[in-house]
Every structure is written in structure tokens, then in C-alpha cells.
N, C-alpha and C. Protein backbone atom coordinates (compact mmCIF):
# COMPACT_ATOMS: atom_id res chain seq x y z
N LEU A 1 22.27 43.99 -32.33
CA LEU A 1 21.10 44.38 -30.89
C LEU A 1 21.39 44.13 -30.27
N LEU A 2 20.73 45.34 -28.70
CA LEU A 2 21.28 45.07 -27.94
C LEU A 2 21.06 44.70 -26.68
N SER A 3 21.10 43.86 -26.20
CA SER A 3 20.06 42.69 -24.70
C SER A 3 19.72 44.22 -23.63
N PRO A 4 18.84 44.13 -23.63
CA PRO A 4 18.29 44.63 -22.11
C PRO A 4 19.24 44.23 -21.21
N PRO A 5 18.85 44.87 -19.70
CA PRO A 5 20.30 45.33 -18.90
C PRO A 5 19.49 43.50 -17.41
N PRO A 6 20.46 43.43 -17.35
CA PRO A 6 20.08 41.84 -15.78
C PRO A 6 18.68 42.58 -15.67
N LEU A 7 17.73 42.35 -14.89
CA LEU A 7 16.87 42.14 -14.19
C LEU A 7 17.43 42.63 -12.50
N ALA A 8 16.91 43.84 -11.85
CA ALA A 8 17.82 43.36 -9.98
C ALA A 8 16.78 42.60 -9.40
N PRO A 9 17.86 41.96 -8.21
CA PRO A 9 16.57 41.10 -7.64
C PRO A 9 15.60 41.40 -6.78
N ALA A 10 14.45 41.43 -6.73
CA ALA A 10 13.47 41.45 -6.67
C ALA A 10 12.98 41.36 -4.64
N ALA A 11 13.21 42.26 -3.76
CA ALA A 11 12.44 42.57 -2.39
C ALA A 11 11.56 40.98 -2.04
N PRO A 12 12.31 40.46 -0.83
CA PRO A 12 11.14 39.75 -0.64
C PRO A 12 10.17 40.22 0.37
N THR A 13 8.72 39.96 -0.71
CA THR A 13 7.43 40.09 0.05
C THR A 13 7.48 39.85 1.60
N ARG A 14 6.30 40.07 1.83
CA ARG A 14 5.83 40.15 3.00
C ARG A 14 6.02 38.32 3.98
N GLY A 15 4.14 37.58 2.70
CA GLY A 15 4.35 36.20 3.34
C GLY A 15 6.07 35.31 2.65
N VAL A 16 6.60 35.84 1.68
CA VAL A 16 8.17 34.76 1.65
C VAL A 16 8.96 34.79 3.49
N MET A 17 9.15 36.11 3.80
CA MET A 17 9.50 36.50 5.04
C MET A 17 8.80 35.44 6.19
N GLN A 18 7.74 35.36 6.18
CA GLN A 18 7.05 34.92 7.46
C GLN A 18 7.19 33.12 7.17
N ARG A 19 7.13 32.87 5.59
CA ARG A 19 6.97 31.29 5.96
C ARG A 19 8.50 30.69 5.82
N LYS A 20 10.20 32.40 5.79
CA LYS A 20 11.43 31.36 5.66
C LYS A 20 11.05 31.88 7.52
N THR A 21 10.35 32.46 8.61
CA THR A 21 11.05 32.41 9.73
C THR A 21 9.87 30.71 10.61
N ALA A 22 9.34 30.98 9.71
CA ALA A 22 8.36 29.39 10.06
C ALA A 22 9.03 28.47 9.55
N LEU A 23 9.61 28.18 8.98
CA LEU A 23 10.33 26.80 8.37
C LEU A 23 11.61 27.07 9.31
N ALA A 24 12.00 28.08 10.59
CA ALA A 24 13.80 28.38 10.44
C ALA A 24 13.70 27.21 11.28
N GLY A 25 13.41 26.60 11.93
CA GLY A 25 12.89 25.41 13.05
C GLY A 25 13.17 24.00 12.20
N LEU A 26 12.94 23.74 11.58
CA LEU A 26 12.81 22.70 11.11
C LEU A 26 14.54 22.61 10.35
N GLU A 27 14.50 21.11 10.51
CA GLU A 27 15.77 21.04 9.82
C GLU A 27 15.43 19.35 9.74
N PRO A 28 16.53 19.17 7.75
CA PRO A 28 16.26 18.07 7.41
C PRO A 28 16.21 17.04 8.29
N LEU A 29 15.25 15.46 7.37
CA LEU A 29 16.39 14.45 7.76
C LEU A 29 17.74 13.66 8.67
N GLY A 30 18.20 13.51 9.66
CA GLY A 30 19.61 13.14 9.78
C GLY A 30 19.08 11.35 9.25
N LYS A 31 20.35 11.16 9.15
CA LYS A 31 20.63 9.86 8.61
C LYS A 31 19.56 8.50 9.34
N ARG A 32 19.46 8.61 10.52
CA ARG A 32 18.82 7.95 11.53
C ARG A 32 17.27 7.78 11.30
N ASN A 33 17.04 8.79 11.31
CA ASN A 33 15.24 9.60 11.17
C ASN A 33 15.11 9.44 9.17
N ALA A 34 16.21 8.83 8.50
CA ALA A 34 15.76 8.95 7.11
C ALA A 34 14.99 7.19 7.57
N GLY A 35 15.43 6.38 7.71
CA GLY A 35 15.29 4.99 6.98
C GLY A 35 13.23 4.76 7.80
N VAL A 36 13.36 5.37 9.06
CA VAL A 36 12.22 5.46 9.50
C VAL A 36 10.97 6.05 8.89
N SER A 37 11.50 6.79 8.21
CA SER A 37 9.97 7.49 6.95
C SER A 37 10.08 6.56 6.38
N VAL A 38 11.21 5.63 5.48
CA VAL A 38 11.34 5.19 4.62
C VAL A 38 10.29 3.78 4.72
N LEU A 39 10.59 3.12 5.88
CA LEU A 39 10.39 2.14 6.20
C LEU A 39 8.55 2.39 6.70
N GLY A 40 8.33 3.25 7.24
CA GLY A 40 7.24 4.06 7.39
C GLY A 40 5.87 3.82 5.72
N CYS A 41 6.66 4.58 4.99
CA CYS A 41 5.95 5.09 3.34
C CYS A 41 5.55 3.81 2.77
N ALA A 42 6.75 2.62 3.10
CA ALA A 42 6.56 1.10 2.51
C ALA A 42 5.47 0.33 3.15
N ILE A 43 5.62 0.31 4.09
CA ILE A 43 4.33 -0.32 4.75
C ILE A 43 2.78 -0.01 4.82
N ALA A 44 3.37 1.55 4.50
CA ALA A 44 1.75 2.20 4.06
C ALA A 44 1.49 1.47 2.70
N MET A 45 2.77 1.65 1.67
CA MET A 45 2.20 1.05 0.24
C MET A 45 2.34 -0.12 -0.07
N VAL A 46 2.39 -1.27 1.11
CA VAL A 46 1.60 -2.81 1.58
C VAL A 46 0.75 -3.22 1.77
N ALA A 47 -0.75 -1.68 2.73
CA ALA A 47 -1.17 -2.17 3.14
C ALA A 47 -2.09 -1.12 1.86
N VAL A 48 -1.56 -0.42 0.56
CA VAL A 48 -3.24 0.53 0.61
C VAL A 48 -2.81 -0.93 -1.22
N GLY A 49 -1.34 -0.98 -1.55
CA GLY A 49 -1.15 -1.98 -2.51
C GLY A 49 -2.32 -3.10 -2.25
N GLY A 50 -2.77 -3.90 -0.59
CA GLY A 50 -3.54 -4.94 -0.83
C GLY A 50 -4.95 -4.81 -0.44
N CYS A 51 -5.10 -3.52 -0.61
CA CYS A 51 -6.77 -2.92 -0.55
C CYS A 51 -7.11 -3.24 -2.44
N ALA A 52 -5.87 -2.69 -3.70
CA ALA A 52 -6.23 -2.45 -4.26
C ALA A 52 -6.30 -4.03 -4.92
N GLN A 53 -5.57 -4.49 -4.82
CA GLN A 53 -5.19 -5.97 -4.80
C GLN A 53 -6.78 -6.66 -4.39
N GLY A 54 -7.63 -6.11 -3.31
CA GLY A 54 -9.26 -6.98 -3.00
C GLY A 54 -9.72 -5.93 -4.23
N ILE A 55 -9.69 -4.88 -4.47
CA ILE A 55 -11.05 -4.39 -5.32
C ILE A 55 -10.76 -5.38 -6.41
N GLY A 56 -9.60 -5.80 -6.82
CA GLY A 56 -9.20 -6.01 -8.53
C GLY A 56 -10.25 -7.62 -8.29
N GLN A 57 -9.49 -8.47 -6.78
CA GLN A 57 -10.84 -9.19 -6.93
C GLN A 57 -11.80 -9.68 -7.02
N LEU A 58 -12.47 -8.53 -6.18
CA LEU A 58 -13.82 -8.41 -5.78
C LEU A 58 -14.18 -8.40 -7.59
N PHE A 59 -13.78 -7.53 -8.84
CA PHE A 59 -14.52 -6.86 -9.61
C PHE A 59 -14.27 -8.36 -10.33
N ALA A 60 -13.20 -8.90 -10.37
CA ALA A 60 -13.01 -10.36 -11.13
C ALA A 60 -14.47 -11.28 -10.76
N ALA A 61 -15.05 -11.38 -9.58
CA ALA A 61 -15.72 -12.39 -9.10
C ALA A 61 -16.82 -11.77 -9.17
N LEU A 62 -17.15 -9.94 -9.24
CA LEU A 62 -18.84 -9.77 -10.60
C LEU A 62 -19.38 -10.28 -11.82
N VAL A 63 -17.41 -10.24 -12.82
CA VAL A 63 -17.26 -10.42 -14.12
C VAL A 63 -17.90 -12.33 -13.56
N VAL A 64 -17.62 -12.66 -13.01
CA VAL A 64 -17.80 -14.42 -13.29
C VAL A 64 -18.78 -14.52 -12.95
N GLY A 65 -19.42 -14.11 -11.73
CA GLY A 65 -21.02 -14.34 -11.13
C GLY A 65 -21.77 -14.07 -12.32
N MET A 66 -21.43 -12.51 -13.00
CA MET A 66 -22.76 -12.34 -14.04
C MET A 66 -22.57 -13.46 -15.32
N ALA A 67 -21.41 -13.38 -15.60
CA ALA A 67 -21.73 -14.51 -16.77
C ALA A 67 -21.73 -15.47 -16.16
N ARG A 68 -22.35 -16.19 -14.85
CA ARG A 68 -22.63 -17.15 -14.89
C ARG A 68 -24.16 -17.77 -14.54
N ASN A 69 -24.45 -16.04 -13.57
CA ASN A 69 -25.83 -16.24 -13.65
C ASN A 69 -26.16 -14.58 -13.81
N PRO A 70 -27.10 -14.37 -15.08
CA PRO A 70 -27.37 -12.43 -15.62
C PRO A 70 -28.38 -12.21 -15.07
N SER A 71 -29.29 -13.36 -14.89
CA SER A 71 -30.84 -12.40 -13.95
C SER A 71 -30.33 -12.06 -12.69
N MET A 72 -29.02 -12.57 -12.08
CA MET A 72 -28.41 -11.69 -10.80
C MET A 72 -27.53 -10.14 -11.21
N LYS A 73 -27.42 -9.78 -11.72
CA LYS A 73 -26.85 -8.60 -11.98
C LYS A 73 -26.88 -7.57 -11.28
N GLU A 74 -28.15 -7.12 -11.36
CA GLU A 74 -28.57 -6.10 -9.76
C GLU A 74 -27.70 -6.20 -8.59
N ASP A 75 -28.11 -7.78 -8.08
CA ASP A 75 -28.06 -7.87 -6.83
C ASP A 75 -26.41 -8.44 -6.79
N LEU A 76 -25.23 -8.86 -7.48
CA LEU A 76 -23.82 -8.60 -6.96
C LEU A 76 -23.45 -7.24 -7.52
N PHE A 77 -24.20 -6.65 -8.67
CA PHE A 77 -23.46 -5.10 -8.19
C PHE A 77 -22.89 -4.61 -7.03
N THR A 78 -25.14 -4.75 -6.59
CA THR A 78 -25.27 -3.90 -4.63
C THR A 78 -23.74 -4.91 -3.88
N TYR A 79 -24.08 -6.16 -4.07
CA TYR A 79 -23.06 -6.13 -2.65
C TYR A 79 -21.60 -6.57 -3.37
N THR A 80 -20.92 -6.10 -4.14
CA THR A 80 -19.70 -5.28 -5.07
C THR A 80 -19.45 -3.94 -4.26
N LEU A 81 -20.66 -3.50 -4.49
CA LEU A 81 -20.31 -1.92 -4.15
C LEU A 81 -20.05 -1.75 -2.90
N ILE A 82 -21.02 -2.53 -2.27
CA ILE A 82 -20.47 -2.95 -0.49
C ILE A 82 -19.34 -3.73 0.20
N GLY A 83 -19.44 -4.56 -0.76
CA GLY A 83 -17.79 -4.78 -0.48
C GLY A 83 -16.00 -4.24 -1.06
N MET A 84 -16.54 -3.66 -1.95
CA MET A 84 -15.81 -1.95 -2.38
C MET A 84 -16.03 -1.27 -0.66
N GLY A 85 -16.53 -0.69 -0.94
CA GLY A 85 -16.56 0.48 0.65
C GLY A 85 -15.81 -0.18 1.69
N PHE A 86 -16.38 -1.66 2.45
CA PHE A 86 -15.37 -2.34 3.17
C PHE A 86 -14.07 -2.45 2.93
N LEU A 87 -13.82 -2.22 1.66
CA LEU A 87 -11.52 -1.94 1.55
C LEU A 87 -11.36 -0.60 1.35
N GLU A 88 -12.77 -0.20 1.09
CA GLU A 88 -12.12 1.60 0.80
C GLU A 88 -12.14 1.90 1.77
N PHE A 89 -12.83 1.81 3.21
CA PHE A 89 -12.68 2.25 4.62
C PHE A 89 -11.60 1.11 5.75
N LEU A 90 -11.12 -0.13 4.95
CA LEU A 90 -10.10 -0.40 5.39
C LEU A 90 -8.57 0.39 4.44
N ALA A 91 -8.64 0.77 4.12
CA ALA A 91 -7.46 1.75 3.41
C ALA A 91 -7.62 2.60 3.61
N ILE A 92 -8.53 3.45 3.81
CA ILE A 92 -8.19 4.71 4.93
C ILE A 92 -8.20 4.29 6.23
N VAL A 93 -8.65 3.69 7.54
CA VAL A 93 -7.86 3.21 8.57
C VAL A 93 -6.34 2.46 8.98
N VAL A 94 -6.22 1.93 7.59
CA VAL A 94 -4.93 1.20 7.75
C VAL A 94 -4.17 2.05 7.39
């Protein structure tokens, strides 16, 4: 059996050339700037983790409150959603 001949490389399309020229001015991060980006990412992850912990505690309190007083179920759920909205807003702002 004969294998087909190798394909010739295709000429770059117009969009590819435009992207290459648009990215020509960007340089990779140097050693000095790489640490700053990692530090910024770590600070953002701590903030998001804190908001996730707050949402977990909020729903845990909802479960405990519903177990203690089932007749307040609708009111507790409303308060939980309001609190979750505040926590999500805090996560977006931070």
C-alpha cells in the first residue's frame, strides 16, 4: 500500500496575519513581572474562597433554622437569598 504524499503547508489566511501583527508588540512576562501576576492571582483566589465560605455558612444556617422552626421556611429562604446576593456582590466587587 502506498501512503498519500505529505500535504504542503497552507498559506496563512488574512485573519491569521492580522492577529500576528496585532500581537507583535506583546512580550512575555519577565522574571520581575511574573511574581506580581502570581501574587495578584493569589489575592483574588483568597477573596473568592472567602465568599464561597460565606455562602456555605449561609446555607448551613438555613438548614439549622429550618430544622428548629419549620414554619419559618419561606422567610428563612428569602433572607438566605438576600444574604447570598450580598455575598455575590462582594465577590464581584473584590
